[in-house]
C-alpha atoms as a PDB file:
ATOM      1  CA  UNK A   1     -16.592 -68.216 -66.474  1.00  0.00           C
ATOM      2  CA  UNK A   2     -20.120 -67.307 -65.458  1.00  0.00           C
ATOM      3  CA  UNK A   3     -18.895 -66.265 -62.013  1.00  0.00           C
ATOM      4  CA  UNK A   4     -16.328 -63.894 -63.486  1.00  0.00           C
ATOM      5  CA  UNK A   5     -18.981 -62.170 -65.568  1.00  0.00           C
ATOM      6  CA  UNK A   6     -21.262 -61.705 -62.575  1.00  0.00           C
ATOM      7  CA  UNK A   7     -18.386 -60.391 -60.496  1.00  0.00           C
ATOM      8  CA  UNK A   8     -17.526 -57.829 -63.168  1.00  0.00           C
ATOM      9  CA  UNK A   9     -21.084 -56.594 -63.166  1.00  0.00           C
ATOM     10  CA  UNK A  10     -21.027 -56.020 -59.425  1.00  0.00           C
ATOM     11  CA  UNK A  11     -17.775 -54.099 -59.547  1.00  0.00           C
ATOM     12  CA  UNK A  12     -19.032 -51.770 -62.263  1.00  0.00           C
ATOM     13  CA  UNK A  13     -22.107 -50.878 -60.254  1.00  0.00           C
ATOM     14  CA  UNK A  14     -24.604 -52.451 -62.628  1.00  0.00           C
ATOM     15  CA  UNK A  15     -28.136 -53.250 -61.594  1.00  0.00           C
ATOM     16  CA  UNK A  16     -30.643 -51.392 -59.517  1.00  0.00           C
ATOM     17  CA  UNK A  17     -28.680 -51.093 -56.287  1.00  0.00           C
ATOM     18  CA  UNK A  18     -25.474 -49.876 -57.903  1.00  0.00           C
ATOM     19  CA  UNK A  19     -26.880 -46.557 -59.062  1.00  0.00           C
ATOM     20  CA  UNK A  20     -26.214 -43.370 -57.177  1.00  0.00           C
ATOM     21  CA  UNK A  21     -29.345 -41.672 -55.860  1.00  0.00           C
ATOM     22  CA  UNK A  22     -30.423 -38.485 -57.565  1.00  0.00           C
ATOM     23  CA  UNK A  23     -29.990 -35.275 -55.619  1.00  0.00           C
ATOM     24  CA  UNK A  24     -32.726 -32.663 -55.447  1.00  0.00           C
ATOM     25  CA  UNK A  25     -31.861 -29.711 -57.693  1.00  0.00           C
ATOM     26  CA  UNK A  26     -33.745 -27.304 -55.426  1.00  0.00           C
ATOM     27  CA  UNK A  27     -31.969 -28.417 -52.243  1.00  0.00           C
ATOM     28  CA  UNK A  28     -28.510 -28.105 -53.821  1.00  0.00           C
ATOM     29  CA  UNK A  29     -29.266 -24.646 -55.205  1.00  0.00           C
ATOM     30  CA  UNK A  30     -29.064 -25.614 -58.883  1.00  0.00           C
ATOM     31  CA  UNK A  31     -32.526 -24.109 -59.379  1.00  0.00           C
ATOM     32  CA  UNK A  32     -33.795 -21.056 -57.595  1.00  0.00           C
ATOM     33  CA  UNK A  33     -37.150 -20.673 -55.864  1.00  0.00           C
ATOM     34  CA  UNK A  34     -40.009 -22.194 -57.844  1.00  0.00           C
ATOM     35  CA  UNK A  35     -41.969 -19.617 -59.766  1.00  0.00           C
ATOM     36  CA  UNK A  36     -44.935 -20.457 -61.959  1.00  0.00           C
ATOM     37  CA  UNK A  37     -43.813 -17.828 -64.495  1.00  0.00           C
ATOM     38  CA  UNK A  38     -40.690 -19.847 -65.388  1.00  0.00           C
ATOM     39  CA  UNK A  39     -42.140 -22.199 -67.999  1.00  0.00           C
ATOM     40  CA  UNK A  40     -38.766 -23.385 -69.267  1.00  0.00           C
ATOM     41  CA  UNK A  41     -37.759 -24.718 -65.845  1.00  0.00           C
ATOM     42  CA  UNK A  42     -41.166 -26.341 -65.277  1.00  0.00           C
ATOM     43  CA  UNK A  43     -41.048 -28.193 -68.603  1.00  0.00           C
ATOM     44  CA  UNK A  44     -38.072 -30.147 -67.276  1.00  0.00           C
ATOM     45  CA  UNK A  45     -40.398 -31.810 -64.759  1.00  0.00           C
ATOM     46  CA  UNK A  46     -43.184 -32.615 -67.237  1.00  0.00           C
ATOM     47  CA  UNK A  47     -43.281 -35.699 -69.486  1.00  0.00           C
ATOM     48  CA  UNK A  48     -43.906 -35.698 -73.237  1.00  0.00           C
ATOM     49  CA  UNK A  49     -47.585 -36.254 -72.585  1.00  0.00           C
ATOM     50  CA  UNK A  50     -47.669 -33.237 -70.207  1.00  0.00           C
ATOM     51  CA  UNK A  51     -47.889 -35.297 -67.015  1.00  0.00           C
ATOM     52  CA  UNK A  52     -45.965 -34.318 -63.883  1.00  0.00           C
ATOM     53  CA  UNK A  53     -42.945 -36.596 -63.497  1.00  0.00           C
ATOM     54  CA  UNK A  54     -42.793 -38.682 -60.295  1.00  0.00           C
ATOM     55  CA  UNK A  55     -40.031 -38.250 -57.710  1.00  0.00           C
ATOM     56  CA  UNK A  56     -38.183 -41.372 -58.772  1.00  0.00           C
ATOM     57  CA  UNK A  57     -37.778 -40.008 -62.314  1.00  0.00           C
ATOM     58  CA  UNK A  58     -37.159 -36.338 -61.568  1.00  0.00           C
ATOM     59  CA  UNK A  59     -34.940 -36.794 -58.498  1.00  0.00           C
ATOM     60  CA  UNK A  60     -36.716 -34.119 -56.456  1.00  0.00           C
ATOM     61  CA  UNK A  61     -37.188 -34.534 -52.702  1.00  0.00           C
ATOM     62  CA  UNK A  62     -40.694 -34.962 -51.230  1.00  0.00           C
ATOM     63  CA  UNK A  63     -40.939 -31.389 -49.961  1.00  0.00           C
ATOM     64  CA  UNK A  64     -40.029 -29.861 -53.304  1.00  0.00           C
ATOM     65  CA  UNK A  65     -42.110 -32.395 -55.289  1.00  0.00           C
ATOM     66  CA  UNK A  66     -45.270 -31.206 -53.521  1.00  0.00           C
ATOM     67  CA  UNK A  67     -44.352 -27.587 -54.154  1.00  0.00           C
ATOM     68  CA  UNK A  68     -43.417 -28.342 -57.755  1.00  0.00           C
ATOM     69  CA  UNK A  69     -46.795 -30.002 -58.424  1.00  0.00           C
ATOM     70  CA  UNK A  70     -48.623 -26.957 -57.073  1.00  0.00           C
ATOM     71  CA  UNK A  71     -46.456 -24.629 -59.159  1.00  0.00           C
ATOM     72  CA  UNK A  72     -47.078 -26.641 -62.347  1.00  0.00           C
ATOM     73  CA  UNK A  73     -50.821 -26.613 -61.699  1.00  0.00           C
ATOM     74  CA  UNK A  74     -50.787 -22.837 -61.260  1.00  0.00           C
ATOM     75  CA  UNK A  75     -48.850 -22.411 -64.501  1.00  0.00           C
ATOM     76  CA  UNK A  76     -51.395 -24.594 -66.284  1.00  0.00           C
ATOM     77  CA  UNK A  77     -54.272 -22.467 -65.019  1.00  0.00           C
ATOM     78  CA  UNK A  78     -52.609 -19.357 -66.419  1.00  0.00           C
ATOM     79  CA  UNK A  79     -51.791 -21.139 -69.715  1.00  0.00           C
ATOM     80  CA  UNK A  80     -48.022 -20.712 -69.290  1.00  0.00           C
ATOM     81  CA  UNK A  81     -47.542 -24.437 -69.910  1.00  0.00           C
ATOM     82  CA  UNK A  82     -50.006 -26.720 -71.727  1.00  0.00           C
ATOM     83  CA  UNK A  83     -52.469 -28.891 -69.862  1.00  0.00           C
ATOM     84  CA  UNK A  84     -52.070 -31.646 -72.475  1.00  0.00           C
ATOM     85  CA  UNK A  85     -49.830 -32.113 -75.465  1.00  0.00           C
ATOM     86  CA  UNK A  86     -51.476 -32.383 -78.840  1.00  0.00           C
ATOM     87  CA  UNK A  87     -51.352 -35.949 -80.036  1.00  0.00           C
ATOM     88  CA  UNK A  88     -51.572 -36.374 -83.774  1.00  0.00           C
ATOM     89  CA  UNK A  89     -52.376 -39.903 -84.870  1.00  0.00           C
ATOM     90  CA  UNK A  90     -51.751 -40.947 -88.426  1.00  0.00           C
END
């Protein structure tokens, strides 16, 4: 019975290797050229604590991840997006 359960898991694509890789939104044309004025698009690549998401979480290729980091930093300098999120502890 244990073998049948493991076999089902493999067929469904469970586990780390069964997942499809993420495709870069900038390479496919889903997003247009990165612009530091577009705060709404940049917030998609920032965590709740205002950190830049890594490639493995955002699904962006290496070329666009470097450009995205630079764009986010420029937007932070101009106060378009926050440098840090306000944390309120109770």
